[in-house]
Protein backbone atom coordinates (compact mmCIF):
# COMPACT_ATOMS: atom_id res chain seq x y z
CA MET A 1 6.02 -23.32 -99.71
CA ARG A 2 8.92 -25.41 -99.69
CA ILE A 3 7.99 -28.49 -98.49
CA LEU A 4 10.00 -32.12 -97.23
CA VAL A 5 8.42 -35.54 -98.53
CA THR A 6 10.35 -38.20 -97.04
CA GLY A 7 9.84 -42.48 -98.96
CA ALA A 8 9.52 -39.68 -101.91
CA ALA A 9 10.22 -42.56 -104.69
CA GLY A 10 7.84 -44.81 -103.40
CA PHE A 11 4.48 -44.94 -104.49
CA LEU A 12 2.54 -42.75 -102.47
CA GLY A 13 6.24 -40.57 -101.97
CA SER A 14 6.34 -40.08 -105.74
CA ASN A 15 2.50 -39.64 -106.69
CA LEU A 16 2.59 -36.72 -103.82
CA THR A 17 5.81 -35.34 -104.87
CA ASP A 18 3.83 -34.88 -108.24
CA ARG A 19 1.12 -33.31 -107.00
CA LEU A 20 2.67 -30.83 -104.94
CA LEU A 21 5.35 -29.67 -107.95
CA ALA A 22 2.02 -29.22 -109.68
CA LEU A 23 0.58 -26.50 -107.50
CA GLY A 24 3.30 -24.59 -107.42
CA HIS A 25 5.62 -25.88 -104.76
CA ASN A 26 8.78 -26.94 -103.84
CA VAL A 27 9.58 -29.92 -103.36
CA ILE A 28 12.70 -31.64 -101.30
CA GLY A 29 12.12 -36.01 -101.41
CA VAL A 30 14.54 -38.34 -99.33
CA ASP A 31 14.56 -41.28 -99.72
CA ASN A 32 17.21 -44.50 -99.33
CA TYR A 33 15.91 -46.76 -101.78
CA ALA A 34 14.94 -49.28 -99.26
CA THR A 35 12.21 -49.98 -101.17
CA GLY A 36 11.04 -47.62 -103.14
CA GLU A 37 13.02 -46.70 -106.64
CA HIS A 38 14.64 -44.28 -108.25
CA GLU A 39 12.13 -44.37 -111.85
CA ASN A 40 9.56 -43.22 -110.06
CA ILE A 41 10.59 -39.73 -110.17
CA ALA A 42 14.13 -40.12 -112.79
CA HIS A 43 10.73 -38.06 -114.84
CA LEU A 44 11.58 -34.97 -111.89
CA ASP A 45 15.43 -35.74 -112.84
CA GLY A 46 16.80 -31.63 -113.35
CA ASN A 47 13.48 -30.29 -112.51
CA PRO A 48 14.40 -26.41 -110.61
CA HIS A 49 11.30 -27.56 -108.74
CA PHE A 50 12.67 -30.62 -106.95
CA LYS A 51 16.11 -31.62 -104.43
CA PHE A 52 16.46 -35.03 -103.41
CA LEU A 53 18.30 -36.19 -101.24
CA GLN A 54 19.06 -39.81 -100.85
CA HIS A 55 19.38 -40.43 -97.03
CA ASP A 56 17.85 -42.21 -94.43
CA ILE A 57 15.89 -40.94 -92.46
CA THR A 58 17.19 -42.15 -89.03
CA GLU A 59 20.17 -40.72 -89.57
CA THR A 60 19.98 -36.77 -87.73
CA PHE A 61 19.39 -33.85 -91.09
CA ASP A 62 18.68 -30.38 -91.95
CA PRO A 63 17.61 -29.62 -95.31
CA GLY A 64 16.93 -26.12 -93.91
CA HIS A 65 13.36 -24.13 -93.79
CA ILE A 66 10.79 -26.49 -94.28
CA ASP A 67 6.89 -25.00 -95.06
CA ALA A 68 5.93 -28.19 -94.25
CA ILE A 69 6.78 -31.78 -93.89
CA TYR A 70 4.75 -34.48 -95.19
CA ASN A 71 6.31 -38.17 -93.86
CA MET A 72 5.71 -41.22 -95.98
CA ALA A 73 8.71 -43.34 -94.88
CA SER A 74 8.30 -46.40 -94.94
CA PRO A 75 7.91 -49.65 -95.67
CA ALA A 76 4.95 -50.99 -96.62
CA SER A 77 4.35 -54.44 -98.06
CA PRO A 78 4.00 -57.07 -96.42
CA PRO A 79 7.30 -58.85 -97.78
CA GLU A 80 9.05 -56.10 -97.87
CA TYR A 81 8.78 -55.26 -94.68
CA LEU A 82 8.94 -58.18 -93.03
CA ARG A 83 12.18 -58.67 -95.44
CA LEU A 84 13.53 -55.28 -93.73
CA ALA A 85 12.21 -56.13 -90.26
CA ILE A 86 13.86 -53.88 -88.54
CA GLU A 87 14.67 -51.09 -90.98
CA THR A 88 10.77 -51.14 -90.27
CA LEU A 89 10.81 -50.80 -86.27
CA ARG A 90 12.97 -48.30 -86.79
CA VAL A 91 12.12 -45.41 -89.21
CA GLY A 92 9.06 -45.93 -87.61
CA SER A 93 10.65 -44.21 -84.69
CA ILE A 94 13.80 -43.17 -84.88
CA GLY A 95 12.36 -42.03 -88.07
CA VAL A 96 9.59 -40.14 -87.01
CA GLU A 97 11.45 -38.25 -84.22
CA ASN A 98 13.64 -37.20 -86.60
CA THR A 99 11.13 -35.85 -88.76
CA LEU A 100 9.48 -34.47 -86.22
CA LYS A 101 12.09 -32.48 -84.20
CA LEU A 102 12.89 -30.78 -87.91
CA ALA A 103 9.05 -29.79 -88.16
CA GLU A 104 9.72 -28.32 -84.32
CA LYS A 105 13.12 -26.30 -85.96
CA TYR A 106 11.45 -24.83 -88.54
CA ASN A 107 6.75 -24.16 -87.53
CA ALA A 108 6.99 -26.62 -89.95
CA ASN A 109 3.12 -28.80 -91.07
CA TYR A 110 4.07 -32.06 -90.67
CA LEU A 111 1.65 -34.79 -92.22
CA HIS A 112 2.83 -38.72 -91.34
CA ALA A 113 1.05 -41.89 -92.72
CA SER A 114 -0.11 -43.73 -90.60
CA THR A 115 -2.36 -46.68 -91.85
CA SER A 116 -5.12 -48.81 -90.87
CA GLU A 117 -3.10 -51.50 -89.90
CA CYS A 118 -4.11 -49.82 -86.81
CA TYR A 119 -7.11 -51.86 -86.47
CA GLY A 120 -5.66 -55.09 -86.55
CA ASP A 121 -7.39 -57.65 -87.68
CA PRO A 122 -10.68 -55.46 -86.51
CA LEU A 123 -13.29 -57.08 -84.35
CA GLU A 124 -15.37 -53.42 -85.18
CA HIS A 125 -16.39 -52.95 -88.48
CA PRO A 126 -16.11 -51.02 -90.68
CA GLN A 127 -13.00 -49.46 -88.75
CA ARG A 128 -13.85 -45.59 -86.97
CA GLU A 129 -10.70 -43.77 -86.20
CA SER A 130 -12.38 -44.72 -82.15
CA TYR A 131 -11.85 -48.29 -82.84
CA TRP A 132 -8.27 -48.95 -81.20
CA GLY A 133 -8.17 -51.77 -82.51
CA ASN A 134 -7.11 -56.21 -82.67
CA VAL A 135 -3.22 -56.43 -83.08
CA ASN A 136 -1.12 -59.17 -82.39
CA PRO A 137 2.25 -56.90 -80.87
CA VAL A 138 5.07 -60.16 -81.25
CA GLY A 139 2.94 -61.64 -85.31
CA PRO A 140 5.19 -61.05 -87.75
CA ARG A 141 3.07 -58.51 -89.05
CA SER A 142 3.80 -56.18 -85.97
CA VAL A 143 7.28 -55.12 -86.86
CA TYR A 144 5.21 -52.88 -89.75
CA ASP A 145 1.66 -52.60 -87.65
CA GLU A 146 3.74 -51.36 -84.03
CA SER A 147 5.92 -49.55 -85.78
CA LYS A 148 2.85 -47.48 -87.37
CA ARG A 149 1.22 -47.63 -83.24
CA PHE A 150 4.20 -45.74 -82.48
CA ALA A 151 4.35 -43.48 -84.71
CA GLU A 152 0.93 -41.61 -84.20
CA ALA A 153 1.71 -41.59 -80.63
CA MET A 154 5.19 -40.24 -81.18
CA VAL A 155 3.40 -37.49 -83.25
CA MET A 156 1.05 -36.95 -80.71
CA ALA A 157 3.49 -36.37 -77.99
CA TYR A 158 4.68 -33.61 -80.57
CA HIS A 159 1.58 -31.61 -80.94
CA ARG A 160 0.43 -32.61 -77.07
CA SER A 161 3.97 -31.26 -76.03
CA ARG A 162 6.19 -29.23 -78.63
CA GLY A 163 3.62 -27.19 -79.78
CA VAL A 164 3.26 -28.76 -83.07
CA ASN A 165 0.60 -28.98 -85.82
CA THR A 166 0.66 -31.61 -86.85
CA HIS A 167 -1.92 -34.48 -88.96
CA LEU A 168 -2.86 -37.87 -89.53
CA VAL A 169 -4.31 -39.93 -92.28
CA ARG A 170 -4.59 -43.85 -91.40
CA ILE A 171 -4.17 -45.07 -95.38
CA PHE A 172 -6.11 -48.32 -95.93
CA ASN A 173 -5.18 -50.16 -99.16
CA THR A 174 -4.18 -47.87 -102.02
CA TYR A 175 -2.75 -48.84 -105.68
CA GLY A 176 -2.30 -47.01 -108.28
CA PRO A 177 1.02 -46.10 -111.02
CA ARG A 178 3.76 -47.05 -109.43
CA LEU A 179 2.77 -49.51 -107.34
CA HIS A 180 5.30 -52.26 -107.11
CA PRO A 181 4.78 -55.08 -109.16
CA SER A 182 6.35 -57.21 -106.81
CA ASP A 183 5.47 -55.72 -104.41
CA GLY A 184 2.99 -58.77 -102.66
CA ARG A 185 -0.04 -56.47 -102.15
CA VAL A 186 -3.41 -57.55 -103.88
CA ILE A 187 -4.16 -55.52 -106.77
CA SER A 188 -0.40 -55.92 -107.56
CA ASN A 189 -0.57 -59.50 -107.51
CA PHE A 190 -3.35 -59.99 -109.41
CA ILE A 191 -2.75 -57.44 -112.38
CA MET A 192 0.59 -59.25 -113.11
CA GLN A 193 -0.85 -62.58 -112.99
CA ALA A 194 -3.06 -62.05 -114.89
CA LEU A 195 -1.03 -60.49 -117.99
CA LYS A 196 1.17 -62.86 -117.76
CA GLY A 197 -1.42 -65.96 -117.84
CA GLU A 198 0.47 -67.27 -114.48
CA PRO A 199 -2.25 -68.76 -111.96
CA ILE A 200 -3.70 -65.90 -109.78
CA THR A 201 -2.36 -66.82 -106.31
CA ILE A 202 -5.52 -66.38 -103.02
CA TYR A 203 -4.92 -66.94 -99.75
CA GLY A 204 -7.60 -68.68 -97.62
CA ASP A 205 -10.79 -68.70 -99.20
CA GLY A 206 -11.05 -65.80 -100.85
CA THR A 207 -13.82 -64.29 -98.45
CA GLN A 208 -11.06 -61.92 -96.75
CA THR A 209 -12.09 -58.62 -98.04
CA ARG A 210 -10.61 -55.15 -98.85
CA SER A 211 -11.31 -51.80 -99.53
CA PHE A 212 -9.24 -50.55 -102.51
CA CYS A 213 -8.23 -46.54 -102.37
CA TYR A 214 -7.54 -45.80 -106.17
CA VAL A 215 -3.69 -43.06 -105.40
CA ASP A 216 -5.47 -38.86 -106.14
CA ASP A 217 -8.06 -39.70 -104.15
CA LEU A 218 -6.40 -40.73 -101.45
CA ILE A 219 -4.07 -38.17 -102.50
CA ASP A 220 -7.12 -35.22 -102.58
CA GLY A 221 -7.87 -36.50 -99.30
CA ILE A 222 -4.13 -35.76 -97.64
CA LEU A 223 -4.21 -32.30 -98.60
CA LEU A 224 -7.28 -31.66 -97.44
CA LEU A 225 -6.07 -32.71 -94.18
CA ALA A 226 -2.93 -31.21 -94.36
CA ALA A 227 -4.49 -28.41 -95.12
CA SER A 228 -6.43 -28.48 -91.37
CA ASP A 229 -7.13 -27.97 -88.26
CA GLU A 230 -7.29 -31.84 -86.77
CA HIS A 231 -4.93 -33.43 -84.57
CA TYR A 232 -6.35 -36.89 -84.09
CA PRO A 233 -6.15 -39.91 -86.81
CA VAL A 234 -8.45 -39.42 -89.80
CA ASN A 235 -9.33 -42.70 -91.68
CA ILE A 236 -8.17 -41.80 -95.89
CA GLY A 237 -9.95 -44.46 -97.91
CA ASN A 238 -12.57 -46.00 -99.77
CA PRO A 239 -15.50 -47.61 -98.11
CA GLY A 240 -16.29 -50.27 -100.66
CA GLU A 241 -16.04 -53.24 -100.03
CA PHE A 242 -14.95 -56.64 -102.06
CA THR A 243 -14.14 -60.02 -101.37
CA ILE A 244 -10.85 -61.34 -102.26
CA LEU A 245 -12.58 -63.56 -104.83
CA GLU A 246 -14.51 -60.26 -106.40
CA CYS A 247 -11.78 -58.75 -106.80
CA ALA A 248 -9.94 -62.06 -108.86
CA GLU A 249 -13.08 -62.34 -111.11
CA GLU A 250 -13.07 -57.94 -111.73
CA VAL A 251 -9.06 -57.97 -112.27
CA LEU A 252 -9.57 -61.07 -115.11
CA LYS A 253 -12.56 -59.15 -117.05
CA MET A 254 -10.47 -56.34 -117.22
CA THR A 255 -7.71 -57.91 -118.23
CA GLY A 256 -9.37 -60.84 -120.88
CA SER A 257 -7.25 -63.21 -119.19
CA LYS A 258 -7.60 -67.18 -119.16
CA SER A 259 -5.84 -67.55 -115.60
CA GLU A 260 -6.85 -70.11 -113.30
CA LEU A 261 -7.45 -69.27 -109.53
CA VAL A 262 -5.63 -70.82 -106.95
CA PHE A 263 -5.72 -71.33 -103.34
CA ALA A 264 -3.05 -70.85 -100.43
CA PRO A 265 -2.68 -70.80 -96.78
CA LEU A 266 -4.03 -67.45 -95.03
CA PRO A 267 -0.21 -65.56 -94.34
CA GLU A 268 -0.48 -65.06 -89.62
CA ASP A 269 -2.23 -62.15 -88.96
CA ASP A 270 -3.49 -61.89 -92.12
CA PRO A 271 -6.59 -59.20 -91.77
CA THR A 272 -10.42 -61.04 -92.57
CA ARG A 273 -12.34 -57.55 -92.92
CA ARG A 274 -10.58 -54.27 -94.48
CA LYS A 275 -13.90 -51.33 -94.84
CA PRO A 276 -12.88 -46.92 -93.57
CA ASP A 277 -15.43 -45.86 -91.30
CA ILE A 278 -15.07 -42.07 -93.58
CA THR A 279 -17.77 -39.99 -92.01
CA LYS A 280 -15.17 -37.69 -90.70
CA ALA A 281 -13.47 -37.10 -92.78
CA LYS A 282 -16.32 -36.25 -95.21
CA GLU A 283 -17.90 -33.70 -92.25
CA LEU A 284 -14.17 -32.55 -91.73
CA LEU A 285 -12.63 -32.06 -94.81
CA GLY A 286 -15.97 -32.49 -97.11
CA TRP A 287 -13.56 -35.67 -98.87
CA GLU A 288 -14.78 -38.88 -100.25
CA PRO A 289 -13.28 -41.28 -102.96
CA HIS A 290 -14.97 -40.75 -107.05
CA ILE A 291 -12.76 -43.70 -108.21
CA LYS A 292 -14.48 -46.10 -108.08
CA LEU A 293 -12.59 -50.10 -108.52
CA HIS A 294 -13.73 -50.83 -112.32
CA GLU A 295 -12.23 -47.32 -113.66
CA GLY A 296 -9.04 -46.83 -111.03
CA LEU A 297 -7.74 -51.08 -112.77
CA GLU A 298 -8.19 -49.72 -116.27
CA ARG A 299 -6.31 -46.50 -114.73
CA CYS A 300 -3.45 -48.54 -113.29
CA LEU A 301 -3.37 -51.07 -116.69
CA PRO A 302 -0.99 -49.00 -118.87
CA TYR A 303 1.93 -48.62 -116.17
CA PHE A 304 1.17 -52.56 -115.21
CA LYS A 305 2.22 -53.63 -119.15
CA GLU A 306 5.13 -51.53 -119.56
CA MET A 307 6.45 -53.20 -116.37
CA MET A 308 6.00 -56.50 -117.40
CA GLU A 309 6.83 -55.78 -120.81
CA ALA A 310 10.15 -53.96 -118.41
CA GLY A 311 10.83 -58.16 -117.67
CA HIS A 312 9.37 -56.85 -113.09
């Protein structure tokens, strides 16, 4: 197939692009490098099955006939979407509609990368797809949360009103190679601080929880969902739940670092709990993650060591 991947130079987009190419597809990658980086796709330079367009999807474009679209474009780490607040809202609204118009024009299968942040700071635990969420619509994080929630509404409107074959994946905390070392998320922060021997910064008291999914498991789920008949959101994440303190201890053990733990105030509206209920993914897709946190950390450690040596 000829497949369009937006956000192709980002963490998830580049890993997805590699998998699609390995499956024998031709991929058109689009990215404006707002947060993506060329080094994530540099190994594809000269690949006859990959074409790259440096473009902002909030501006109209037409790559010609395509069979499928994976819309992965959006800043995703808190420092980035706070820095790019308006851009984040635009890519989750105008950018999403621009790509949906392409899907309608070419009768292309469409998968949109949504997020567990649609649940906000959840009052239901674990989080099922039927839960409507607890989101502050005017807080600092709202630029990301509400752009993703609006995007889901837009995707469903194009499915219901225009007959576009759409899919919605709600992605939970994901980590792995190409996660930017300074992107501000838990895994990258902890590993880089541990490798450098710097204090490991824990926001809040460390009792808040996250569920970490290794990128390869996530891509497996995304591909299964895109090939399914399901149009409503599906959680793809690892239900193994860890406190932030437990995660820090796992990183210290794996790296052998002597870094001390330091505590800082919890950012406004930061979720206190996060755990996916993946019953729907298991029943509909036959999917569940296989890579445990310790194994995943070991798999991505060489990447972070390389980034540290490169001066990140």
